């Protein structure tokens, strides 16, 4: 292997930073199947989740989780396109979703999550 045969890791192409956000979640696939998952991080444009199954890149899925920092539940449901899916060892797969549908209520909830994590 020569130095010329090595390539640099891809540059991070995210338009907005993601912040760590760990919550139990449900991953809905094709509106037919639901599996347990866990959020890893979140931004205004996407999120990373961890699940026990792989999803094809460019497929679509919906993630549902509690976005509240209080005792009052605040269910949040985000639909997105799978940007990447990588094996994360025994922890399952890390799945990056680019959010494709976010109504005004969901946008406000994500903004609140990001604001709470900045203090």
N, C-alpha and C. Protein backbone atom coordinates (compact mmCIF):
# COMPACT_ATOMS: atom_id res chain seq x y z
N UNK A 1 0.85 -1.18 0.00
CA UNK A 1 0.00 0.00 0.00
C UNK A 1 0.89 1.23 0.00
N UNK A 2 0.63 2.13 -0.91
CA UNK A 2 1.40 3.36 -1.00
C UNK A 2 0.60 4.50 -0.43
N UNK A 3 1.28 5.58 -0.17
CA UNK A 3 0.61 6.75 0.35
C UNK A 3 -0.45 7.25 -0.64
N UNK A 4 -0.19 7.10 -1.93
CA UNK A 4 -1.14 7.55 -2.93
C UNK A 4 -2.42 6.71 -2.95
N UNK A 5 -2.38 5.49 -2.42
CA UNK A 5 -3.57 4.65 -2.44
C UNK A 5 -4.50 4.93 -1.26
N UNK A 6 -4.07 5.76 -0.32
CA UNK A 6 -4.91 6.10 0.83
C UNK A 6 -5.78 7.31 0.49
N UNK A 7 -6.95 7.33 1.02
CA UNK A 7 -7.81 8.50 0.81
C UNK A 7 -8.26 9.03 2.16
N UNK A 8 -8.57 10.30 2.18
CA UNK A 8 -9.05 10.92 3.42
C UNK A 8 -10.48 10.51 3.69
N UNK A 9 -10.84 10.55 4.94
CA UNK A 9 -12.24 10.29 5.31
C UNK A 9 -13.11 11.37 4.70
N UNK A 10 -14.36 11.04 4.33
CA UNK A 10 -15.24 12.05 3.74
C UNK A 10 -15.47 13.21 4.69
N UNK A 11 -15.58 14.40 4.15
CA UNK A 11 -15.85 15.59 4.93
C UNK A 11 -17.28 15.56 5.45
N UNK A 12 -17.49 16.04 6.64
CA UNK A 12 -18.83 16.09 7.21
C UNK A 12 -19.68 17.08 6.40
N UNK A 13 -20.73 16.58 5.78
CA UNK A 13 -21.54 17.41 4.88
C UNK A 13 -22.79 17.96 5.56
N UNK A 14 -22.92 17.83 6.85
CA UNK A 14 -24.12 18.30 7.54
C UNK A 14 -24.19 19.82 7.54
N UNK A 15 -25.36 20.32 7.25
CA UNK A 15 -25.57 21.77 7.22
C UNK A 15 -25.77 22.33 8.63
N UNK A 16 -26.28 21.51 9.54
CA UNK A 16 -26.50 21.95 10.91
C UNK A 16 -25.89 20.93 11.86
N UNK A 17 -25.33 21.38 12.98
CA UNK A 17 -24.69 20.45 13.91
C UNK A 17 -25.71 19.56 14.61
N UNK A 18 -25.29 18.34 14.90
CA UNK A 18 -26.12 17.43 15.68
C UNK A 18 -25.63 17.42 17.11
N UNK A 19 -26.59 17.32 18.03
CA UNK A 19 -26.26 17.26 19.45
C UNK A 19 -26.69 15.90 19.99
N UNK A 20 -25.94 15.38 20.94
CA UNK A 20 -26.29 14.10 21.56
C UNK A 20 -27.68 14.19 22.16
N UNK A 21 -28.46 13.13 21.95
CA UNK A 21 -29.82 13.08 22.48
C UNK A 21 -30.22 11.61 22.56
N UNK A 22 -30.17 11.05 23.76
CA UNK A 22 -30.42 9.63 23.96
C UNK A 22 -31.81 9.41 24.55
N UNK A 23 -32.68 8.77 23.79
CA UNK A 23 -34.02 8.45 24.23
C UNK A 23 -34.46 7.12 23.64
N UNK A 24 -35.28 6.36 24.37
CA UNK A 24 -35.91 5.19 23.74
C UNK A 24 -36.81 5.67 22.61
N UNK A 25 -36.88 4.89 21.55
CA UNK A 25 -37.67 5.29 20.39
C UNK A 25 -38.29 4.06 19.74
N UNK A 26 -39.22 4.32 18.85
CA UNK A 26 -39.80 3.26 18.02
C UNK A 26 -39.52 3.64 16.58
N UNK A 27 -39.00 2.69 15.83
CA UNK A 27 -38.70 2.87 14.42
C UNK A 27 -39.79 2.19 13.62
N UNK A 28 -40.50 2.97 12.82
CA UNK A 28 -41.58 2.44 11.98
C UNK A 28 -41.05 2.31 10.55
N UNK A 29 -41.14 1.10 10.01
CA UNK A 29 -40.63 0.82 8.68
C UNK A 29 -41.80 0.47 7.77
N UNK A 30 -41.93 1.19 6.67
CA UNK A 30 -42.99 0.94 5.70
C UNK A 30 -44.38 0.93 6.32
N UNK A 31 -44.57 1.59 7.44
CA UNK A 31 -45.85 1.64 8.15
C UNK A 31 -46.44 0.26 8.42
N UNK A 32 -45.62 -0.77 8.33
CA UNK A 32 -46.09 -2.14 8.59
C UNK A 32 -45.40 -2.76 9.78
N UNK A 33 -44.21 -2.30 10.07
CA UNK A 33 -43.39 -2.95 11.08
C UNK A 33 -42.82 -1.89 12.02
N UNK A 34 -42.83 -2.18 13.32
CA UNK A 34 -42.26 -1.28 14.31
C UNK A 34 -41.26 -2.04 15.16
N UNK A 35 -40.09 -1.45 15.37
CA UNK A 35 -39.05 -2.08 16.18
C UNK A 35 -38.53 -1.08 17.20
N UNK A 36 -38.02 -1.59 18.29
CA UNK A 36 -37.42 -0.73 19.31
C UNK A 36 -36.11 -0.15 18.79
N UNK A 37 -35.86 1.08 19.16
CA UNK A 37 -34.64 1.77 18.76
C UNK A 37 -34.25 2.74 19.86
N UNK A 38 -33.20 3.49 19.64
CA UNK A 38 -32.74 4.50 20.58
C UNK A 38 -32.16 5.66 19.79
N UNK A 39 -32.54 6.88 20.14
CA UNK A 39 -31.93 8.02 19.47
C UNK A 39 -30.49 8.18 19.95
N UNK A 40 -29.65 8.68 19.08
CA UNK A 40 -28.23 8.92 19.40
C UNK A 40 -27.94 10.41 19.38
N UNK A 41 -28.34 11.07 18.29
CA UNK A 41 -28.16 12.52 18.19
C UNK A 41 -29.26 13.10 17.31
N UNK A 42 -29.36 14.44 17.32
CA UNK A 42 -30.44 15.11 16.60
C UNK A 42 -29.99 16.49 16.13
N UNK A 43 -30.57 16.95 15.03
CA UNK A 43 -30.37 18.30 14.53
C UNK A 43 -31.67 18.76 13.89
N UNK A 44 -31.68 19.96 13.34
CA UNK A 44 -32.87 20.46 12.66
C UNK A 44 -33.12 19.70 11.36
N UNK A 45 -32.13 19.03 10.84
CA UNK A 45 -32.29 18.35 9.56
C UNK A 45 -32.27 16.83 9.63
N UNK A 46 -31.91 16.28 10.78
CA UNK A 46 -31.84 14.83 10.84
C UNK A 46 -31.54 14.31 12.22
N UNK A 47 -31.41 13.00 12.30
CA UNK A 47 -31.06 12.35 13.55
C UNK A 47 -30.42 11.01 13.27
N UNK A 48 -29.71 10.54 14.27
CA UNK A 48 -29.13 9.21 14.21
C UNK A 48 -29.84 8.36 15.24
N UNK A 49 -30.19 7.15 14.84
CA UNK A 49 -30.81 6.21 15.76
C UNK A 49 -30.01 4.91 15.75
N UNK A 50 -30.21 4.12 16.76
CA UNK A 50 -29.57 2.82 16.86
C UNK A 50 -30.66 1.76 16.95
N UNK A 51 -30.54 0.73 16.11
CA UNK A 51 -31.55 -0.33 16.09
C UNK A 51 -30.87 -1.66 15.77
N UNK A 52 -31.61 -2.74 15.95
CA UNK A 52 -31.06 -4.07 15.72
C UNK A 52 -31.21 -4.55 14.29
N UNK A 53 -31.63 -3.69 13.38
CA UNK A 53 -31.75 -4.11 11.99
C UNK A 53 -31.18 -3.05 11.08
N UNK A 54 -30.76 -3.48 9.91
CA UNK A 54 -30.21 -2.57 8.91
C UNK A 54 -31.33 -2.10 7.99
N UNK A 55 -31.23 -0.86 7.56
CA UNK A 55 -32.17 -0.31 6.59
C UNK A 55 -31.39 0.11 5.35
N UNK A 56 -31.95 -0.12 4.18
CA UNK A 56 -31.25 0.29 2.95
C UNK A 56 -31.14 1.81 2.83
N UNK A 57 -29.99 2.27 2.36
CA UNK A 57 -29.82 3.70 2.10
C UNK A 57 -30.87 4.12 1.08
N UNK A 58 -31.41 5.31 1.27
CA UNK A 58 -32.46 5.92 0.45
C UNK A 58 -33.86 5.35 0.70
N UNK A 59 -33.99 4.42 1.64
CA UNK A 59 -35.33 3.98 2.03
C UNK A 59 -35.88 5.01 3.02
N UNK A 60 -37.15 4.88 3.38
CA UNK A 60 -37.78 5.84 4.30
C UNK A 60 -38.25 5.13 5.56
N UNK A 61 -38.20 5.85 6.66
CA UNK A 61 -38.65 5.32 7.95
C UNK A 61 -39.15 6.48 8.79
N UNK A 62 -39.90 6.14 9.83
CA UNK A 62 -40.41 7.13 10.77
C UNK A 62 -39.94 6.75 12.16
N UNK A 63 -39.49 7.74 12.91
CA UNK A 63 -39.02 7.53 14.28
C UNK A 63 -39.95 8.29 15.22
N UNK A 64 -40.32 7.62 16.30
CA UNK A 64 -41.20 8.24 17.29
C UNK A 64 -40.54 8.11 18.66
N UNK A 65 -40.52 9.23 19.41
CA UNK A 65 -39.91 9.23 20.75
C UNK A 65 -40.47 10.38 21.56
N UNK A 66 -40.19 10.38 22.86
CA UNK A 66 -40.63 11.44 23.76
C UNK A 66 -39.58 12.55 23.73
N UNK A 67 -39.98 13.73 23.32
CA UNK A 67 -39.06 14.86 23.18
C UNK A 67 -39.06 15.77 24.41
N UNK A 68 -39.78 15.40 25.44
CA UNK A 68 -39.93 16.26 26.62
C UNK A 68 -38.74 16.16 27.57
N UNK A 69 -38.44 17.29 28.18
CA UNK A 69 -37.46 17.33 29.27
C UNK A 69 -38.18 17.42 30.62
N UNK A 70 -39.50 17.32 30.60
CA UNK A 70 -40.29 17.41 31.83
C UNK A 70 -41.08 16.11 32.01
N UNK A 71 -41.87 16.07 33.06
CA UNK A 71 -42.70 14.88 33.32
C UNK A 71 -43.85 14.77 32.32
N UNK A 72 -44.18 15.88 31.68
CA UNK A 72 -45.27 15.89 30.69
C UNK A 72 -44.76 15.33 29.36
N UNK A 73 -45.34 14.22 28.88
CA UNK A 73 -44.87 13.63 27.62
C UNK A 73 -45.09 14.55 26.43
N UNK A 74 -44.15 14.50 25.49
CA UNK A 74 -44.25 15.29 24.25
C UNK A 74 -43.83 14.38 23.10
N UNK A 75 -44.76 13.54 22.62
CA UNK A 75 -44.39 12.62 21.54
C UNK A 75 -43.98 13.38 20.28
N UNK A 76 -42.89 12.94 19.70
CA UNK A 76 -42.38 13.54 18.47
C UNK A 76 -42.22 12.44 17.44
N UNK A 77 -42.72 12.69 16.25
CA UNK A 77 -42.68 11.71 15.16
C UNK A 77 -42.03 12.39 13.96
N UNK A 78 -40.90 11.84 13.50
CA UNK A 78 -40.17 12.40 12.38
C UNK A 78 -40.00 11.36 11.28
N UNK A 79 -40.26 11.75 10.05
CA UNK A 79 -40.09 10.87 8.90
C UNK A 79 -38.86 11.31 8.15
N UNK A 80 -38.06 10.31 7.71
CA UNK A 80 -36.84 10.67 7.01
C UNK A 80 -36.36 9.60 6.05
N UNK A 81 -35.40 10.04 5.23
CA UNK A 81 -34.74 9.16 4.27
C UNK A 81 -33.44 8.67 4.90
N UNK A 82 -33.16 7.38 4.77
CA UNK A 82 -31.95 6.80 5.34
C UNK A 82 -30.75 7.32 4.54
N UNK A 83 -29.87 8.05 5.22
CA UNK A 83 -28.66 8.60 4.59
C UNK A 83 -27.50 7.62 4.72
N UNK A 84 -27.47 6.88 5.84
CA UNK A 84 -26.44 5.86 6.04
C UNK A 84 -26.93 4.83 7.04
N UNK A 85 -26.33 3.67 6.98
CA UNK A 85 -26.62 2.60 7.94
C UNK A 85 -25.34 1.81 8.10
N UNK A 86 -24.78 1.83 9.32
CA UNK A 86 -23.51 1.15 9.57
C UNK A 86 -23.63 0.26 10.81
N UNK A 87 -22.93 -0.85 10.77
CA UNK A 87 -22.89 -1.74 11.92
C UNK A 87 -22.09 -1.09 13.03
N UNK A 88 -22.65 -1.06 14.23
CA UNK A 88 -21.99 -0.45 15.39
C UNK A 88 -21.63 -1.52 16.40
N UNK A 89 -21.01 -2.58 15.94
CA UNK A 89 -20.61 -3.67 16.82
C UNK A 89 -21.81 -4.39 17.39
N UNK A 90 -21.71 -4.77 18.65
CA UNK A 90 -22.80 -5.52 19.28
C UNK A 90 -24.00 -4.63 19.61
N UNK A 91 -23.85 -3.33 19.45
CA UNK A 91 -24.95 -2.39 19.75
C UNK A 91 -25.98 -2.33 18.63
N UNK A 92 -25.73 -2.98 17.52
CA UNK A 92 -26.68 -2.96 16.41
C UNK A 92 -26.20 -2.04 15.30
N UNK A 93 -27.14 -1.39 14.65
CA UNK A 93 -26.83 -0.53 13.51
C UNK A 93 -27.11 0.92 13.85
N UNK A 94 -26.25 1.80 13.41
CA UNK A 94 -26.50 3.24 13.50
C UNK A 94 -27.07 3.68 12.17
N UNK A 95 -28.22 4.31 12.24
CA UNK A 95 -28.96 4.71 11.04
C UNK A 95 -29.12 6.22 11.07
N UNK A 96 -28.60 6.87 10.04
CA UNK A 96 -28.73 8.31 9.91
C UNK A 96 -29.92 8.64 9.04
N UNK A 97 -30.83 9.43 9.57
CA UNK A 97 -32.03 9.83 8.83
C UNK A 97 -31.99 11.32 8.51
N UNK A 98 -32.21 11.65 7.26
CA UNK A 98 -32.39 13.04 6.86
C UNK A 98 -33.89 13.29 6.89
N UNK A 99 -34.33 14.18 7.77
CA UNK A 99 -35.76 14.41 7.96
C UNK A 99 -36.36 15.05 6.70
N UNK A 100 -37.43 14.42 6.22
CA UNK A 100 -38.09 14.90 5.00
C UNK A 100 -39.46 15.50 5.29
N UNK A 101 -40.01 15.23 6.45
CA UNK A 101 -41.32 15.78 6.83
C UNK A 101 -41.26 16.27 8.26
N UNK A 102 -41.49 17.58 8.44
CA UNK A 102 -41.51 18.15 9.79
C UNK A 102 -42.50 19.31 9.80
N UNK A 103 -43.62 19.12 10.50
CA UNK A 103 -44.59 20.20 10.60
C UNK A 103 -44.11 21.25 11.61
N UNK A 104 -44.86 22.31 11.75
CA UNK A 104 -44.46 23.42 12.62
C UNK A 104 -44.31 22.98 14.08
N UNK A 105 -45.21 22.11 14.54
CA UNK A 105 -45.14 21.61 15.92
C UNK A 105 -43.87 20.81 16.14
N UNK A 106 -43.55 19.91 15.21
CA UNK A 106 -42.34 19.09 15.33
C UNK A 106 -41.09 19.97 15.26
N UNK A 107 -41.11 20.96 14.39
CA UNK A 107 -39.96 21.87 14.28
C UNK A 107 -39.72 22.57 15.61
N UNK A 108 -40.79 23.03 16.25
CA UNK A 108 -40.67 23.71 17.55
C UNK A 108 -40.11 22.75 18.61
N UNK A 109 -40.56 21.50 18.58
CA UNK A 109 -40.06 20.51 19.55
C UNK A 109 -38.56 20.27 19.35
N UNK A 110 -38.12 20.14 18.11
CA UNK A 110 -36.69 19.92 17.85
C UNK A 110 -35.90 21.16 18.27
N UNK A 111 -36.41 22.35 17.98
CA UNK A 111 -35.74 23.57 18.43
C UNK A 111 -35.60 23.59 19.95
N UNK A 112 -36.64 23.15 20.67
CA UNK A 112 -36.59 23.10 22.13
C UNK A 112 -35.52 22.11 22.61
N UNK A 113 -35.43 20.95 21.96
CA UNK A 113 -34.41 19.96 22.32
C UNK A 113 -33.03 20.58 22.17
N UNK A 114 -32.79 21.21 21.04
CA UNK A 114 -31.47 21.80 20.76
C UNK A 114 -31.16 22.94 21.73
N UNK A 115 -32.17 23.74 22.07
CA UNK A 115 -31.96 24.86 23.01
C UNK A 115 -31.64 24.34 24.41
N UNK A 116 -32.29 23.27 24.84
CA UNK A 116 -32.04 22.71 26.16
C UNK A 116 -30.64 22.13 26.28
N UNK A 117 -30.09 21.69 25.18
CA UNK A 117 -28.76 21.06 25.22
C UNK A 117 -27.63 22.07 25.14
N UNK A 118 -27.94 23.34 24.95
CA UNK A 118 -26.89 24.34 24.81
C UNK A 118 -26.48 25.00 26.12
N UNK A 119 -27.19 24.71 27.22
CA UNK A 119 -26.82 25.37 28.47
C UNK A 119 -25.66 24.69 29.14
